[in-house]
């Protein structure tokens, strides 16, 4: 199991998150979780420094509330079969 802090989180990394726990100006909020079995895997778009901490934005339009930079994330395994299942346009 590989973990990385919020400060070192890079775009494109898949991480498990909770289901939506609230909203912030209409944007759904999620939180990091400690188990791969619970929640949903989301892909990081970008972490941004904000007043009160670091906000992590995801490619599906969700984000986290401001987090401490040392908050740890579990890196999820990439879906290797995703490209094999994609339809091929001829």
N, C-alpha and C. Protein backbone atom coordinates (compact mmCIF):
# COMPACT_ATOMS: atom_id res chain seq x y z
N UNK A 1 0.85 -1.16 0.00
CA UNK A 1 0.00 0.00 0.00
C UNK A 1 0.90 1.23 0.00
N UNK A 2 0.72 2.07 -0.99
CA UNK A 2 1.51 3.29 -1.12
C UNK A 2 0.68 4.48 -0.65
N UNK A 3 1.26 5.30 0.20
CA UNK A 3 0.58 6.51 0.64
C UNK A 3 1.41 7.72 0.24
N UNK A 4 0.73 8.84 0.09
CA UNK A 4 1.39 10.10 -0.27
C UNK A 4 0.66 11.23 0.46
N UNK A 5 1.40 12.24 0.87
CA UNK A 5 0.77 13.37 1.56
C UNK A 5 0.08 14.28 0.56
N UNK A 6 -0.85 15.08 1.05
CA UNK A 6 -1.57 16.02 0.19
C UNK A 6 -0.60 16.97 -0.50
N UNK A 7 0.46 17.38 0.19
CA UNK A 7 1.44 18.30 -0.40
C UNK A 7 2.15 17.69 -1.60
N UNK A 8 2.31 16.35 -1.61
CA UNK A 8 3.04 15.68 -2.68
C UNK A 8 2.13 14.99 -3.69
N UNK A 9 0.84 15.19 -3.58
CA UNK A 9 -0.12 14.56 -4.49
C UNK A 9 -0.02 15.23 -5.86
N UNK A 10 0.04 14.43 -6.92
CA UNK A 10 0.18 14.97 -8.27
C UNK A 10 -1.08 14.69 -9.09
N UNK A 11 -1.30 15.48 -10.11
CA UNK A 11 -2.42 15.28 -11.01
C UNK A 11 -2.33 13.94 -11.71
N UNK A 12 -3.46 13.29 -11.93
CA UNK A 12 -3.50 12.02 -12.64
C UNK A 12 -3.43 10.80 -11.73
N UNK A 13 -3.19 10.99 -10.44
CA UNK A 13 -3.10 9.86 -9.52
C UNK A 13 -4.50 9.43 -9.06
N UNK A 14 -4.79 8.13 -9.11
CA UNK A 14 -6.08 7.64 -8.61
C UNK A 14 -6.03 7.43 -7.10
N UNK A 15 -7.01 7.99 -6.37
CA UNK A 15 -7.07 7.86 -4.92
C UNK A 15 -8.48 7.51 -4.49
N UNK A 16 -8.64 6.68 -3.44
CA UNK A 16 -9.98 6.39 -2.94
C UNK A 16 -10.50 7.55 -2.09
N UNK A 17 -11.76 7.90 -2.29
CA UNK A 17 -12.39 8.98 -1.54
C UNK A 17 -13.73 8.50 -1.01
N UNK A 18 -14.28 9.28 -0.11
CA UNK A 18 -15.61 8.99 0.43
C UNK A 18 -16.66 9.34 -0.62
N UNK A 19 -17.89 8.97 -0.35
CA UNK A 19 -18.98 9.47 -1.16
C UNK A 19 -19.15 10.95 -0.82
N UNK A 20 -20.01 11.65 -1.52
CA UNK A 20 -20.20 13.08 -1.30
C UNK A 20 -20.67 13.32 0.14
N UNK A 21 -19.97 14.23 0.85
CA UNK A 21 -20.30 14.50 2.25
C UNK A 21 -20.93 15.87 2.45
N UNK A 22 -21.06 16.65 1.40
CA UNK A 22 -21.64 17.99 1.49
C UNK A 22 -21.36 18.77 0.23
N UNK A 23 -21.66 20.07 0.27
CA UNK A 23 -21.39 20.92 -0.89
C UNK A 23 -20.72 22.20 -0.43
N UNK A 24 -20.02 22.84 -1.35
CA UNK A 24 -19.38 24.12 -1.12
C UNK A 24 -19.68 24.97 -2.35
N UNK A 25 -20.58 25.93 -2.22
CA UNK A 25 -21.03 26.75 -3.35
C UNK A 25 -21.51 25.88 -4.50
N UNK A 26 -22.21 24.81 -4.19
CA UNK A 26 -22.78 23.93 -5.20
C UNK A 26 -21.85 22.84 -5.69
N UNK A 27 -20.59 22.83 -5.29
CA UNK A 27 -19.64 21.79 -5.70
C UNK A 27 -19.64 20.68 -4.66
N UNK A 28 -19.73 19.42 -5.09
CA UNK A 28 -19.73 18.31 -4.13
C UNK A 28 -18.38 18.14 -3.44
N UNK A 29 -18.43 17.93 -2.12
CA UNK A 29 -17.22 17.74 -1.31
C UNK A 29 -17.03 16.27 -0.97
N UNK A 30 -15.78 15.80 -1.05
CA UNK A 30 -15.43 14.44 -0.66
C UNK A 30 -14.21 14.52 0.27
N UNK A 31 -13.93 13.42 0.95
CA UNK A 31 -12.80 13.36 1.87
C UNK A 31 -11.96 12.12 1.56
N UNK A 32 -10.67 12.15 1.93
CA UNK A 32 -9.85 10.94 1.75
C UNK A 32 -10.32 9.85 2.70
N UNK A 33 -10.18 8.60 2.29
CA UNK A 33 -10.54 7.48 3.16
C UNK A 33 -9.33 6.58 3.34
N UNK A 34 -9.38 5.74 4.34
CA UNK A 34 -8.25 4.91 4.69
C UNK A 34 -8.33 3.50 4.13
N UNK A 35 -9.43 3.14 3.49
CA UNK A 35 -9.60 1.78 2.97
C UNK A 35 -9.96 1.83 1.49
N UNK A 36 -9.39 0.93 0.72
CA UNK A 36 -9.72 0.87 -0.71
C UNK A 36 -11.08 0.25 -0.95
N UNK A 37 -11.58 -0.52 0.02
CA UNK A 37 -12.83 -1.25 -0.17
C UNK A 37 -14.06 -0.36 -0.05
N UNK A 38 -13.93 0.79 0.60
CA UNK A 38 -15.08 1.66 0.84
C UNK A 38 -14.92 2.91 -0.01
N UNK A 39 -16.03 3.48 -0.46
CA UNK A 39 -15.97 4.73 -1.20
C UNK A 39 -15.78 4.53 -2.69
N UNK A 40 -15.11 5.49 -3.30
CA UNK A 40 -14.97 5.52 -4.75
C UNK A 40 -13.59 6.02 -5.13
N UNK A 41 -13.03 5.47 -6.19
CA UNK A 41 -11.72 5.91 -6.66
C UNK A 41 -11.93 7.08 -7.63
N UNK A 42 -11.24 8.18 -7.34
CA UNK A 42 -11.31 9.37 -8.19
C UNK A 42 -9.91 9.74 -8.64
N UNK A 43 -9.82 10.40 -9.78
CA UNK A 43 -8.53 10.82 -10.33
C UNK A 43 -8.29 12.28 -9.98
N UNK A 44 -7.11 12.56 -9.44
CA UNK A 44 -6.75 13.92 -9.05
C UNK A 44 -6.55 14.78 -10.29
N UNK A 45 -7.20 15.92 -10.31
CA UNK A 45 -6.95 16.90 -11.37
C UNK A 45 -5.80 17.79 -10.94
N UNK A 46 -5.93 18.41 -9.76
CA UNK A 46 -4.83 19.23 -9.24
C UNK A 46 -5.06 19.58 -7.78
N UNK A 47 -4.00 19.57 -6.99
CA UNK A 47 -4.09 20.11 -5.64
C UNK A 47 -3.76 21.60 -5.69
N UNK A 48 -4.50 22.42 -4.94
CA UNK A 48 -4.28 23.86 -4.95
C UNK A 48 -4.17 24.38 -3.52
N UNK A 49 -3.18 25.22 -3.30
CA UNK A 49 -3.06 25.84 -1.99
C UNK A 49 -4.20 26.85 -1.83
N UNK A 50 -4.85 26.83 -0.68
CA UNK A 50 -5.97 27.72 -0.43
C UNK A 50 -5.88 28.24 1.00
N UNK A 51 -6.65 29.24 1.31
CA UNK A 51 -6.70 29.76 2.67
C UNK A 51 -7.21 28.65 3.59
N UNK A 52 -6.42 28.26 4.53
CA UNK A 52 -6.83 27.22 5.47
C UNK A 52 -6.29 25.84 5.13
N UNK A 53 -5.56 25.68 4.04
CA UNK A 53 -5.00 24.36 3.71
C UNK A 53 -4.84 24.14 2.22
N UNK A 54 -4.91 22.87 1.83
CA UNK A 54 -4.78 22.48 0.43
C UNK A 54 -6.10 21.86 -0.02
N UNK A 55 -6.64 22.33 -1.13
CA UNK A 55 -7.87 21.78 -1.71
C UNK A 55 -7.45 20.89 -2.88
N UNK A 56 -7.97 19.67 -2.91
CA UNK A 56 -7.68 18.74 -4.00
C UNK A 56 -8.90 18.69 -4.92
N UNK A 57 -8.69 19.00 -6.19
CA UNK A 57 -9.75 18.95 -7.19
C UNK A 57 -9.64 17.63 -7.94
N UNK A 58 -10.79 17.04 -8.29
CA UNK A 58 -10.83 15.78 -9.02
C UNK A 58 -11.44 15.98 -10.40
N UNK A 59 -11.15 15.06 -11.32
CA UNK A 59 -11.60 15.20 -12.71
C UNK A 59 -13.12 15.10 -12.86
N UNK A 60 -13.82 14.53 -11.88
CA UNK A 60 -15.28 14.42 -11.99
C UNK A 60 -16.01 15.63 -11.42
N UNK A 61 -15.28 16.71 -11.07
CA UNK A 61 -15.92 17.95 -10.60
C UNK A 61 -16.07 18.03 -9.10
N UNK A 62 -15.60 17.04 -8.36
CA UNK A 62 -15.65 17.10 -6.91
C UNK A 62 -14.36 17.71 -6.37
N UNK A 63 -14.38 18.07 -5.10
CA UNK A 63 -13.20 18.61 -4.45
C UNK A 63 -13.24 18.28 -2.97
N UNK A 64 -12.13 18.52 -2.28
CA UNK A 64 -12.08 18.33 -0.84
C UNK A 64 -12.22 19.67 -0.15
N UNK A 65 -12.62 19.68 1.10
CA UNK A 65 -12.49 20.92 1.86
C UNK A 65 -11.00 21.17 2.10
N UNK A 66 -10.60 22.35 2.56
CA UNK A 66 -9.18 22.57 2.82
C UNK A 66 -8.62 21.54 3.81
N UNK A 67 -7.53 20.88 3.41
CA UNK A 67 -6.90 19.84 4.21
C UNK A 67 -5.51 20.27 4.64
N UNK A 68 -5.03 19.69 5.70
CA UNK A 68 -3.65 19.90 6.14
C UNK A 68 -2.74 19.24 5.12
N UNK A 69 -1.62 19.82 4.81
CA UNK A 69 -0.70 19.29 3.80
C UNK A 69 -0.15 17.92 4.12
N UNK A 70 -0.20 17.50 5.40
CA UNK A 70 0.32 16.19 5.78
C UNK A 70 -0.75 15.11 5.78
N UNK A 71 -1.98 15.45 5.42
CA UNK A 71 -3.03 14.44 5.32
C UNK A 71 -2.59 13.41 4.30
N UNK A 72 -2.69 12.12 4.64
CA UNK A 72 -2.18 11.10 3.72
C UNK A 72 -3.30 10.51 2.87
N UNK A 73 -2.94 10.11 1.66
CA UNK A 73 -3.84 9.49 0.70
C UNK A 73 -3.27 8.14 0.33
N UNK A 74 -4.13 7.16 0.15
CA UNK A 74 -3.73 5.85 -0.34
C UNK A 74 -3.83 5.91 -1.86
N UNK A 75 -2.78 5.49 -2.55
CA UNK A 75 -2.84 5.46 -4.01
C UNK A 75 -3.53 4.17 -4.45
N UNK A 76 -4.55 4.30 -5.29
CA UNK A 76 -5.27 3.15 -5.80
C UNK A 76 -4.52 2.56 -6.98
N UNK A 77 -4.75 1.29 -7.22
CA UNK A 77 -4.15 0.64 -8.38
C UNK A 77 -4.82 1.14 -9.64
N UNK A 78 -4.07 1.49 -10.68
CA UNK A 78 -4.69 1.92 -11.94
C UNK A 78 -5.45 0.76 -12.58
N UNK A 79 -6.52 1.09 -13.27
CA UNK A 79 -7.34 0.07 -13.94
C UNK A 79 -6.66 -0.31 -15.25
N UNK A 80 -5.87 -1.40 -15.23
CA UNK A 80 -5.11 -1.80 -16.41
C UNK A 80 -6.00 -2.29 -17.54
N UNK A 81 -7.16 -2.84 -17.24
CA UNK A 81 -8.03 -3.37 -18.27
C UNK A 81 -8.91 -2.32 -18.93
N UNK A 82 -8.82 -1.07 -18.50
CA UNK A 82 -9.70 -0.03 -19.04
C UNK A 82 -9.48 0.18 -20.53
N UNK A 83 -8.23 0.13 -20.98
CA UNK A 83 -7.96 0.35 -22.40
C UNK A 83 -8.40 -0.85 -23.23
N UNK A 84 -8.35 -2.03 -22.68
CA UNK A 84 -8.75 -3.24 -23.43
C UNK A 84 -10.26 -3.27 -23.63
N UNK A 85 -11.02 -2.69 -22.70
CA UNK A 85 -12.48 -2.73 -22.81
C UNK A 85 -13.05 -1.60 -23.65
N UNK A 86 -12.26 -0.59 -23.95
CA UNK A 86 -12.73 0.54 -24.72
C UNK A 86 -13.06 0.11 -26.15
N UNK A 87 -14.20 0.56 -26.69
CA UNK A 87 -14.54 0.18 -28.06
C UNK A 87 -13.58 0.82 -29.07
N UNK A 88 -13.28 0.11 -30.10
CA UNK A 88 -12.38 0.60 -31.14
C UNK A 88 -13.23 1.06 -32.32
N UNK A 89 -13.01 2.30 -32.73
CA UNK A 89 -13.76 2.86 -33.85
C UNK A 89 -13.01 2.53 -35.14
N UNK A 90 -13.68 1.88 -36.05
CA UNK A 90 -13.02 1.47 -37.31
C UNK A 90 -13.39 2.41 -38.43
